[in-house]
Protein backbone atom coordinates (compact mmCIF):
# COMPACT_ATOMS: atom_id res chain seq x y z
CA UNK A 1 162.88 61.35 -44.13
CA UNK A 2 165.04 61.24 -47.39
CA UNK A 3 163.74 62.92 -50.94
CA UNK A 4 163.06 59.61 -52.67
CA UNK A 5 160.84 58.75 -50.12
CA UNK A 6 158.07 61.62 -51.54
CA UNK A 7 158.67 59.95 -54.85
CA UNK A 8 159.90 62.76 -56.78
CA UNK A 9 160.79 62.89 -60.09
CA UNK A 10 163.80 60.57 -61.11
CA UNK A 11 165.11 63.60 -63.07
CA UNK A 12 164.98 66.11 -59.85
CA UNK A 13 165.86 63.31 -57.42
CA UNK A 14 168.86 62.97 -59.48
CA UNK A 15 169.36 67.20 -59.53
CA UNK A 16 168.30 66.56 -55.83
CA UNK A 17 171.87 64.63 -54.46
CA UNK A 18 174.18 65.60 -56.96
CA UNK A 19 173.68 68.68 -54.73
CA UNK A 20 174.33 66.61 -51.97
CA UNK A 21 171.18 66.64 -50.30
CA UNK A 22 168.98 63.37 -48.84
CA UNK A 23 167.09 64.52 -45.89
CA UNK A 24 164.48 66.67 -46.21
CA UNK A 25 164.31 69.02 -44.00
CA UNK A 26 161.20 69.70 -41.33
CA UNK A 27 159.73 72.24 -43.37
CA UNK A 28 160.32 70.09 -46.20
CA UNK A 29 159.35 67.08 -44.75
CA UNK A 30 155.73 68.93 -43.91
CA UNK A 31 155.25 71.05 -46.48
CA UNK A 32 155.80 68.78 -50.31
CA UNK A 33 153.54 65.91 -49.41
CA UNK A 34 150.77 68.73 -49.37
CA UNK A 35 152.23 71.12 -52.16
CA UNK A 36 152.08 67.45 -54.39
CA UNK A 37 148.54 67.05 -53.07
CA UNK A 38 147.96 70.21 -54.68
CA UNK A 39 146.74 72.00 -51.08
CA UNK A 40 146.25 75.54 -50.63
CA UNK A 41 149.03 76.38 -47.62
CA UNK A 42 150.38 78.53 -45.48
CA UNK A 43 153.66 77.63 -43.37
CA UNK A 44 155.16 79.45 -40.98
CA UNK A 45 159.57 78.75 -41.34
CA UNK A 46 162.21 80.58 -39.85
CA UNK A 47 165.48 81.44 -42.09
CA UNK A 48 167.66 78.46 -43.05
CA UNK A 49 165.29 75.69 -42.86
CA UNK A 50 165.24 75.14 -46.38
CA UNK A 51 162.03 76.69 -46.93
CA UNK A 52 162.21 77.49 -50.79
CA UNK A 53 162.97 74.02 -52.15
CA UNK A 54 160.66 72.58 -49.42
CA UNK A 55 158.22 75.02 -52.30
CA UNK A 56 160.52 74.42 -55.00
CA UNK A 57 160.82 70.84 -55.16
CA UNK A 58 157.20 69.66 -55.55
CA UNK A 59 156.88 72.19 -58.01
CA UNK A 60 159.50 70.72 -60.40
CA UNK A 61 157.38 67.61 -60.10
CA UNK A 62 154.69 68.59 -60.49
CA UNK A 63 156.14 70.49 -64.39
CA UNK A 64 158.41 67.71 -65.92
CA UNK A 65 155.27 65.06 -65.12
CA UNK A 66 152.71 66.84 -66.77
CA UNK A 67 154.65 70.49 -69.43
CA UNK A 68 152.58 72.86 -70.35
CA UNK A 69 152.74 76.27 -72.38
CA UNK A 70 152.68 79.08 -70.80
CA UNK A 71 153.67 79.87 -67.37
CA UNK A 72 153.20 77.65 -64.85
CA UNK A 73 154.46 79.08 -61.38
CA UNK A 74 154.84 82.92 -60.64
CA UNK A 75 156.65 83.16 -57.44
CA UNK A 76 156.27 86.90 -55.20
CA UNK A 77 159.32 87.40 -53.40
CA UNK A 78 160.37 90.79 -51.70
CA UNK A 79 164.20 91.96 -52.86
CA UNK A 80 165.93 91.07 -55.91
CA UNK A 81 168.61 89.25 -53.58
CA UNK A 82 165.83 87.01 -53.15
CA UNK A 83 164.79 86.15 -56.23
CA UNK A 84 167.97 85.23 -57.85
CA UNK A 85 168.83 83.33 -54.75
CA UNK A 86 165.59 81.21 -55.79
CA UNK A 87 165.97 81.61 -59.01
CA UNK A 88 169.57 79.37 -59.20
CA UNK A 89 168.21 76.74 -56.69
CA UNK A 90 165.59 76.53 -59.70
CA UNK A 91 167.88 75.29 -62.16
CA UNK A 92 169.72 73.37 -59.95
CA UNK A 93 167.53 71.77 -58.54
CA UNK A 94 165.77 71.00 -62.38
CA UNK A 95 169.77 71.18 -64.57
CA UNK A 96 168.48 68.10 -65.32
CA UNK A 97 164.98 68.71 -66.60
CA UNK A 98 163.13 70.41 -69.35
CA UNK A 99 162.31 73.75 -67.29
CA UNK A 100 163.06 77.04 -67.74
CA UNK A 101 162.49 79.72 -65.68
CA UNK A 102 164.24 83.58 -64.68
CA UNK A 103 164.53 86.68 -62.14
CA UNK A 104 162.55 89.52 -62.38
CA UNK A 105 164.21 92.51 -60.57
CA UNK A 106 164.91 95.46 -60.72
CA UNK A 107 167.44 98.42 -60.35
CA UNK A 108 168.88 96.95 -63.99
CA UNK A 109 169.40 98.59 -67.75
CA UNK A 110 166.74 99.25 -70.28
CA UNK A 111 168.37 95.74 -71.64
CA UNK A 112 167.54 93.32 -69.09
CA UNK A 113 163.14 94.77 -68.98
CA UNK A 114 163.70 93.67 -72.68
CA UNK A 115 165.12 90.42 -71.60
CA UNK A 116 162.38 90.18 -69.07
CA UNK A 117 159.59 90.90 -71.27
CA UNK A 118 160.92 87.91 -74.00
CA UNK A 119 160.41 85.42 -71.26
CA UNK A 120 157.15 86.37 -69.99
CA UNK A 121 155.70 86.42 -73.91
CA UNK A 122 157.57 83.15 -74.90
CA UNK A 123 157.38 79.90 -72.58
CA UNK A 124 159.31 80.29 -69.15
CA UNK A 125 157.93 77.76 -66.74
CA UNK A 126 158.60 79.81 -63.89
CA UNK A 127 158.99 83.24 -63.70
CA UNK A 128 160.68 84.92 -60.05
CA UNK A 129 159.97 88.65 -59.41
CA UNK A 130 160.03 91.53 -56.82
CA UNK A 131 156.10 93.43 -56.71
CA UNK A 132 157.65 96.43 -58.58
CA UNK A 133 159.17 94.92 -61.68
CA UNK A 134 156.15 92.58 -62.01
CA UNK A 135 154.18 95.80 -61.07
CA UNK A 136 155.70 98.04 -64.06
CA UNK A 137 155.79 94.74 -66.68
CA UNK A 138 152.17 94.58 -66.19
CA UNK A 139 151.62 97.92 -66.69
CA UNK A 140 153.18 97.84 -69.72
CA UNK A 141 152.06 94.77 -71.67
CA UNK A 142 149.47 91.70 -71.58
CA UNK A 143 151.05 88.78 -69.68
CA UNK A 144 149.83 86.40 -70.47
CA UNK A 145 148.75 83.78 -67.54
CA UNK A 146 145.85 81.54 -67.97
CA UNK A 147 148.61 78.30 -68.01
CA UNK A 148 149.84 79.29 -64.66
CA UNK A 149 149.02 76.66 -62.26
CA UNK A 150 150.62 78.31 -58.87
CA UNK A 151 151.29 81.32 -56.80
CA UNK A 152 154.05 81.39 -53.92
CA UNK A 153 154.73 84.87 -52.09
CA UNK A 154 157.82 84.54 -50.36
CA UNK A 155 158.55 85.98 -47.26
CA UNK A 156 155.19 87.62 -46.90
CA UNK A 157 155.99 89.11 -44.20
CA UNK A 158 159.18 91.18 -44.83
CA UNK A 159 156.61 92.10 -48.41
CA UNK A 160 153.49 93.55 -46.02
CA UNK A 161 156.31 95.61 -44.13
CA UNK A 162 157.69 96.76 -47.35
CA UNK A 163 154.79 97.92 -47.71
CA UNK A 164 153.36 96.01 -50.80
CA UNK A 165 149.78 94.44 -50.00
CA UNK A 166 148.20 97.19 -52.62
CA UNK A 167 150.81 95.25 -55.22
CA UNK A 168 150.26 91.77 -54.48
CA UNK A 169 146.42 92.57 -55.16
CA UNK A 170 147.08 93.87 -58.24
CA UNK A 171 149.36 91.35 -59.67
CA UNK A 172 146.64 88.50 -58.00
CA UNK A 173 144.16 90.44 -60.18
CA UNK A 174 145.80 89.12 -62.96
CA UNK A 175 145.64 85.40 -61.33
CA UNK A 176 143.64 82.78 -63.19
CA UNK A 177 141.34 81.84 -59.56
CA UNK A 178 141.75 77.87 -60.00
CA UNK A 179 145.35 77.89 -58.96
CA UNK A 180 147.57 76.48 -56.69
CA UNK A 181 148.56 79.65 -53.55
CA UNK A 182 151.92 78.70 -51.45
CA UNK A 183 152.71 82.02 -48.76
CA UNK A 184 155.56 81.01 -47.13
CA UNK A 185 156.40 83.54 -43.96
CA UNK A 186 159.00 84.04 -40.98
CA UNK A 187 156.42 85.87 -38.91
CA UNK A 188 153.28 85.64 -37.80
CA UNK A 189 151.43 88.66 -37.80
CA UNK A 190 147.88 89.29 -38.08
CA UNK A 191 148.11 90.88 -41.46
CA UNK A 192 149.20 87.74 -42.77
CA UNK A 193 146.42 85.85 -41.60
CA UNK A 194 144.47 89.37 -43.34
CA UNK A 195 146.10 88.48 -46.57
CA UNK A 196 146.13 84.51 -45.62
CA UNK A 197 142.29 84.65 -45.80
CA UNK A 198 141.67 87.48 -48.85
CA UNK A 199 143.94 84.60 -51.79
CA UNK A 200 143.69 81.18 -50.40
CA UNK A 201 141.24 78.38 -50.47
CA UNK A 202 141.03 76.05 -47.07
CA UNK A 203 144.39 76.52 -46.61
CA UNK A 204 147.03 73.85 -44.82
CA UNK A 205 149.13 75.47 -42.02
CA UNK A 206 152.38 74.68 -40.95
CA UNK A 207 154.48 76.21 -38.69
CA UNK A 208 158.50 75.60 -37.55
CA UNK A 209 160.09 76.52 -35.05
CA UNK A 210 158.68 80.72 -35.01
CA UNK A 211 161.25 83.05 -33.84
CA UNK A 212 163.33 81.00 -32.60
CA UNK A 213 167.29 81.39 -33.61
CA UNK A 214 168.76 78.11 -34.95
CA UNK A 215 170.28 75.44 -32.51
CA UNK A 216 174.05 75.55 -33.47
CA UNK A 217 174.00 80.13 -32.62
CA UNK A 218 176.06 81.03 -30.62
CA UNK A 219 174.54 83.85 -28.86
CA UNK A 220 177.02 86.42 -26.87
CA UNK A 221 176.12 90.45 -26.08
CA UNK A 222 178.37 93.07 -25.44
CA UNK A 223 177.16 95.74 -23.24
CA UNK A 224 179.70 98.70 -25.45
CA UNK A 225 179.52 102.99 -26.72
CA UNK A 226 178.97 103.05 -29.70
CA UNK A 227 183.00 105.00 -28.99
CA UNK A 228 183.96 101.50 -28.81
CA UNK A 229 182.07 98.92 -31.21
CA UNK A 230 184.60 99.35 -34.17
CA UNK A 231 187.84 98.79 -31.76
CA UNK A 232 185.57 95.53 -30.03
CA UNK A 233 185.13 94.46 -33.74
CA UNK A 234 189.23 94.46 -33.92
CA UNK A 235 189.73 92.84 -31.03
CA UNK A 236 187.53 90.13 -31.68
CA UNK A 237 188.62 89.69 -35.25
CA UNK A 238 192.10 89.46 -33.85
CA UNK A 239 191.57 87.24 -31.39
CA UNK A 240 189.27 84.31 -33.35
CA UNK A 241 191.40 84.31 -36.66
CA UNK A 242 189.45 81.19 -37.36
CA UNK A 243 185.96 82.93 -38.13
CA UNK A 244 186.66 83.04 -41.92
CA UNK A 245 184.02 85.10 -42.78
CA UNK A 246 181.95 87.70 -40.78
CA UNK A 247 178.85 89.41 -41.60
CA UNK A 248 179.09 92.82 -39.40
CA UNK A 249 174.54 94.39 -40.00
CA UNK A 250 173.94 97.69 -38.93
CA UNK A 251 170.79 98.98 -38.70
CA UNK A 252 171.56 102.76 -41.58
CA UNK A 253 173.15 102.83 -44.91
CA UNK A 254 175.36 105.57 -43.40
CA UNK A 255 177.21 103.24 -40.56
CA UNK A 256 178.31 100.86 -43.49
CA UNK A 257 181.08 102.94 -45.21
CA UNK A 258 181.67 104.17 -41.27
CA UNK A 259 182.25 100.54 -39.72
CA UNK A 260 184.36 99.67 -43.38
CA UNK A 261 185.94 101.99 -43.19
CA UNK A 262 187.61 101.42 -39.77
CA UNK A 263 188.39 98.03 -40.52
CA UNK A 264 190.15 98.79 -43.38
CA UNK A 265 192.13 101.28 -41.78
CA UNK A 266 192.80 97.93 -38.94
CA UNK A 267 194.18 95.99 -42.38
CA UNK A 268 191.47 93.80 -42.82
CA UNK A 269 190.05 92.91 -46.51
CA UNK A 270 185.96 94.35 -46.38
CA UNK A 271 183.43 94.97 -48.70
CA UNK A 272 180.08 97.16 -47.67
CA UNK A 273 176.98 96.96 -49.38
CA UNK A 274 173.22 98.51 -48.94
CA UNK A 275 170.75 99.32 -50.92
CA UNK A 276 172.80 102.57 -51.96
CA UNK A 277 174.74 99.74 -54.66
CA UNK A 278 173.20 99.77 -57.91
CA UNK A 279 172.47 96.24 -58.64
CA UNK A 280 176.56 94.74 -60.39
CA UNK A 281 177.46 96.51 -58.28
CA UNK A 282 176.19 94.68 -54.78
CA UNK A 283 177.20 90.93 -56.92
CA UNK A 284 180.31 91.68 -56.90
CA UNK A 285 180.63 92.96 -53.45
CA UNK A 286 178.64 88.89 -52.99
CA UNK A 287 180.75 87.85 -54.64
CA UNK A 288 183.69 88.98 -53.64
CA UNK A 289 182.84 88.02 -50.15
CA UNK A 290 181.83 84.19 -51.12
CA UNK A 291 184.78 83.29 -52.23
CA UNK A 292 186.56 84.66 -49.27
CA UNK A 293 188.53 87.61 -50.63
CA UNK A 294 186.78 89.89 -48.59
CA UNK A 295 186.79 88.38 -44.82
CA UNK A 296 184.15 91.27 -43.86
CA UNK A 297 181.34 92.42 -45.69
CA UNK A 298 179.22 95.08 -43.74
CA UNK A 299 175.40 95.51 -44.01
CA UNK A 300 172.32 96.65 -43.41
CA UNK A 301 169.20 95.07 -43.35
CA UNK A 302 168.48 94.47 -46.90
CA UNK A 303 170.88 91.12 -46.34
CA UNK A 304 169.03 89.68 -43.52
CA UNK A 305 166.50 87.85 -45.04
CA UNK A 306 167.61 86.70 -48.46
CA UNK A 307 170.52 85.58 -49.13
CA UNK A 308 172.87 82.12 -49.43
CA UNK A 309 176.02 82.90 -48.10
CA UNK A 310 177.67 79.31 -46.50
CA UNK A 311 180.13 79.12 -44.27
CA UNK A 312 178.96 82.68 -42.53
CA UNK A 313 181.50 81.67 -38.94
CA UNK A 314 180.45 84.65 -37.41
CA UNK A 315 177.65 87.35 -37.28
CA UNK A 316 178.04 91.14 -35.09
CA UNK A 317 175.61 93.56 -34.83
CA UNK A 318 176.63 97.00 -34.84
CA UNK A 319 173.96 97.97 -33.24
CA UNK A 320 170.15 96.12 -31.54
CA UNK A 321 167.72 95.53 -34.99
CA UNK A 322 164.27 98.21 -34.06
CA UNK A 323 162.37 95.13 -34.78
CA UNK A 324 162.99 91.88 -32.33
CA UNK A 325 162.28 89.88 -35.57
CA UNK A 326 164.83 91.20 -37.52
CA UNK A 327 167.15 89.54 -34.61
CA UNK A 328 166.11 86.44 -35.15
CA UNK A 329 166.84 87.36 -39.05
CA UNK A 330 170.77 88.28 -39.00
CA UNK A 331 171.44 85.96 -36.92
CA UNK A 332 170.09 83.01 -38.98
CA UNK A 333 172.79 83.77 -41.37
CA UNK A 334 175.37 81.34 -39.75
CA UNK A 335 174.23 78.45 -38.34
CA UNK A 336 172.66 76.99 -41.15
CA UNK A 337 171.68 73.04 -42.38
CA UNK A 338 172.83 72.51 -39.45
CA UNK A 339 176.30 73.97 -39.25
CA UNK A 340 177.18 75.48 -35.98
CA UNK A 341 178.20 79.82 -35.39
CA UNK A 342 178.01 82.43 -33.41
CA UNK A 343 176.09 86.17 -33.48
CA UNK A 344 177.63 88.71 -31.19
CA UNK A 345 175.63 91.32 -30.45
CA UNK A 346 176.91 95.24 -29.13
CA UNK A 347 174.04 97.12 -27.15
CA UNK A 348 174.72 100.97 -26.14
CA UNK A 349 172.00 102.50 -22.92
CA UNK A 350 169.95 103.83 -25.36
CA UNK A 351 169.53 100.47 -27.23
CA UNK A 352 169.01 98.30 -23.76
CA UNK A 353 165.38 97.72 -23.90
CA UNK A 354 165.27 96.88 -27.70
CA UNK A 355 167.62 93.45 -26.52
CA UNK A 356 164.80 93.19 -23.91
CA UNK A 357 162.05 92.62 -26.31
CA UNK A 358 164.44 90.37 -28.42
CA UNK A 359 164.94 87.82 -25.31
CA UNK A 360 161.42 87.99 -24.58
CA UNK A 361 160.67 86.97 -28.19
CA UNK A 362 163.40 84.62 -28.22
CA UNK A 363 162.57 83.04 -24.95
CA UNK A 364 165.96 82.74 -23.16
CA UNK A 365 168.63 85.88 -22.20
CA UNK A 366 171.52 86.35 -23.97
CA UNK A 367 174.81 85.61 -21.73
CA UNK A 368 176.54 88.41 -21.56
CA UNK A 369 180.59 89.11 -22.25
CA UNK A 370 183.17 92.07 -20.30
CA UNK A 371 184.68 93.85 -22.13
CA UNK A 372 188.13 93.10 -22.39
CA UNK A 373 190.64 95.22 -20.29
CA UNK A 374 192.47 96.88 -23.11
CA UNK A 375 190.08 98.10 -24.70
CA UNK A 376 189.25 100.66 -21.67
CA UNK A 377 187.09 102.95 -19.44
CA UNK A 378 183.84 101.24 -20.72
CA UNK A 379 181.01 103.20 -18.94
CA UNK A 380 178.81 100.74 -20.45
CA UNK A 381 179.40 98.01 -19.16
CA UNK A 382 176.37 97.53 -16.83
CA UNK A 383 172.82 97.02 -17.26
CA UNK A 384 170.41 99.98 -16.76
CA UNK A 385 167.91 98.63 -13.74
CA UNK A 386 165.13 98.47 -15.23
CA UNK A 387 167.10 95.35 -16.77
CA UNK A 388 167.40 93.51 -13.60
CA UNK A 389 164.07 94.22 -12.69
CA UNK A 390 163.32 92.00 -15.39
CA UNK A 391 165.23 89.89 -14.94
CA UNK A 392 163.83 89.64 -11.15
CA UNK A 393 160.03 89.87 -12.33
CA UNK A 394 159.66 88.34 -16.09
CA UNK A 395 156.02 87.10 -15.86
CA UNK A 396 154.93 90.54 -15.38
CA UNK A 397 157.25 92.39 -17.38
CA UNK A 398 155.32 94.32 -20.24
CA UNK A 399 156.38 94.56 -23.77
CA UNK A 400 157.60 97.83 -24.51
CA UNK A 401 156.12 99.97 -27.07
CA UNK A 402 158.46 100.50 -30.43
CA UNK A 403 161.28 102.47 -29.19
CA UNK A 404 161.50 106.02 -31.58
CA UNK A 405 164.82 105.77 -33.83
CA UNK A 406 167.83 107.34 -32.12
CA UNK A 407 170.06 107.75 -34.96
CA UNK A 408 171.09 110.20 -37.13
CA UNK A 409 167.73 111.81 -38.58
CA UNK A 410 169.75 112.64 -41.40
CA UNK A 411 170.06 109.05 -42.04
CA UNK A 412 167.46 106.83 -43.59
CA UNK A 413 167.36 103.22 -43.37
CA UNK A 414 168.08 101.12 -46.17
């Protein structure tokens, strides 16, 4: 379906065309008409399906058709990276419209807070905010939400995982009861249903291929001990020079520096990013990676959602993510918008069980690749007997309880 078939505002269509978009993605095709018809909505869609445009475009159309004073839309997101990304997309889509917006998030200085406070008091059409920062502003002074028409909760499951349920409910208490509420989530746990029942009214429900990596992702895995992981990555980078943009995920902040230092020692242009960095440094690191001045970016799961970095050719999971859903989000950083990409996971003995859960979730076995001979003896080249049993009898396989964290207890997760 083409965007002009939605009968959107002409200036909005001009901006869409200018940005190179022609056909709507499945989530956009299903969500935009429901939002234009003013229904509350709960939508389940994986990373990289175009869900930001699915709610931004109809909201911009409605603002353009019926301009008003005061805050029209509040978009709540889990991380500052996602807040910045969405606000940038709003700026792009609203280029030819008299619509303004601002991203509100923590990590800045007092001057940033002052700018945000002024934006909340004057005619700013769209506010994109993290829960904690929004609560901070609500604590300081009254914000006029009386003209608010839309509330959007993006990455709602992530916000609940991060413990923001009470903050979300408190923010909602300040908003008009008569509004349109849109909730977007990558997964569908019971707590999402509970939140939806609390704040949505007779919502339409949309589900787009939950918990499945994009079709364009080539998935592979290696059974490899930790002592060989950095050497294996070095081998992959040397063999695959065409992979010009490589994102390496690890579950702990401490490993980011270790991996980055090891690869720099081999002559690669590498940057590392985690929640330890302040916002200014994060933006500098991301700019280095986006501009290809750094070929490799090592990151914690802070980047698995909410960062729009195009044309990532290779994702490497240095260790298996603790939650199976996080694998989908990590892998979703590549093969976006119908492109292709490769995702490689490195699995040690303690991570076998976690990777079984991933394969069960995505409904397929990920091909296992043998280590190159030059890496020497690999004691973890074969899967344990429980994996062989699982392959023979998948139907009777019971999902195990979450495996305990076997990493160094001193290492805190991002």
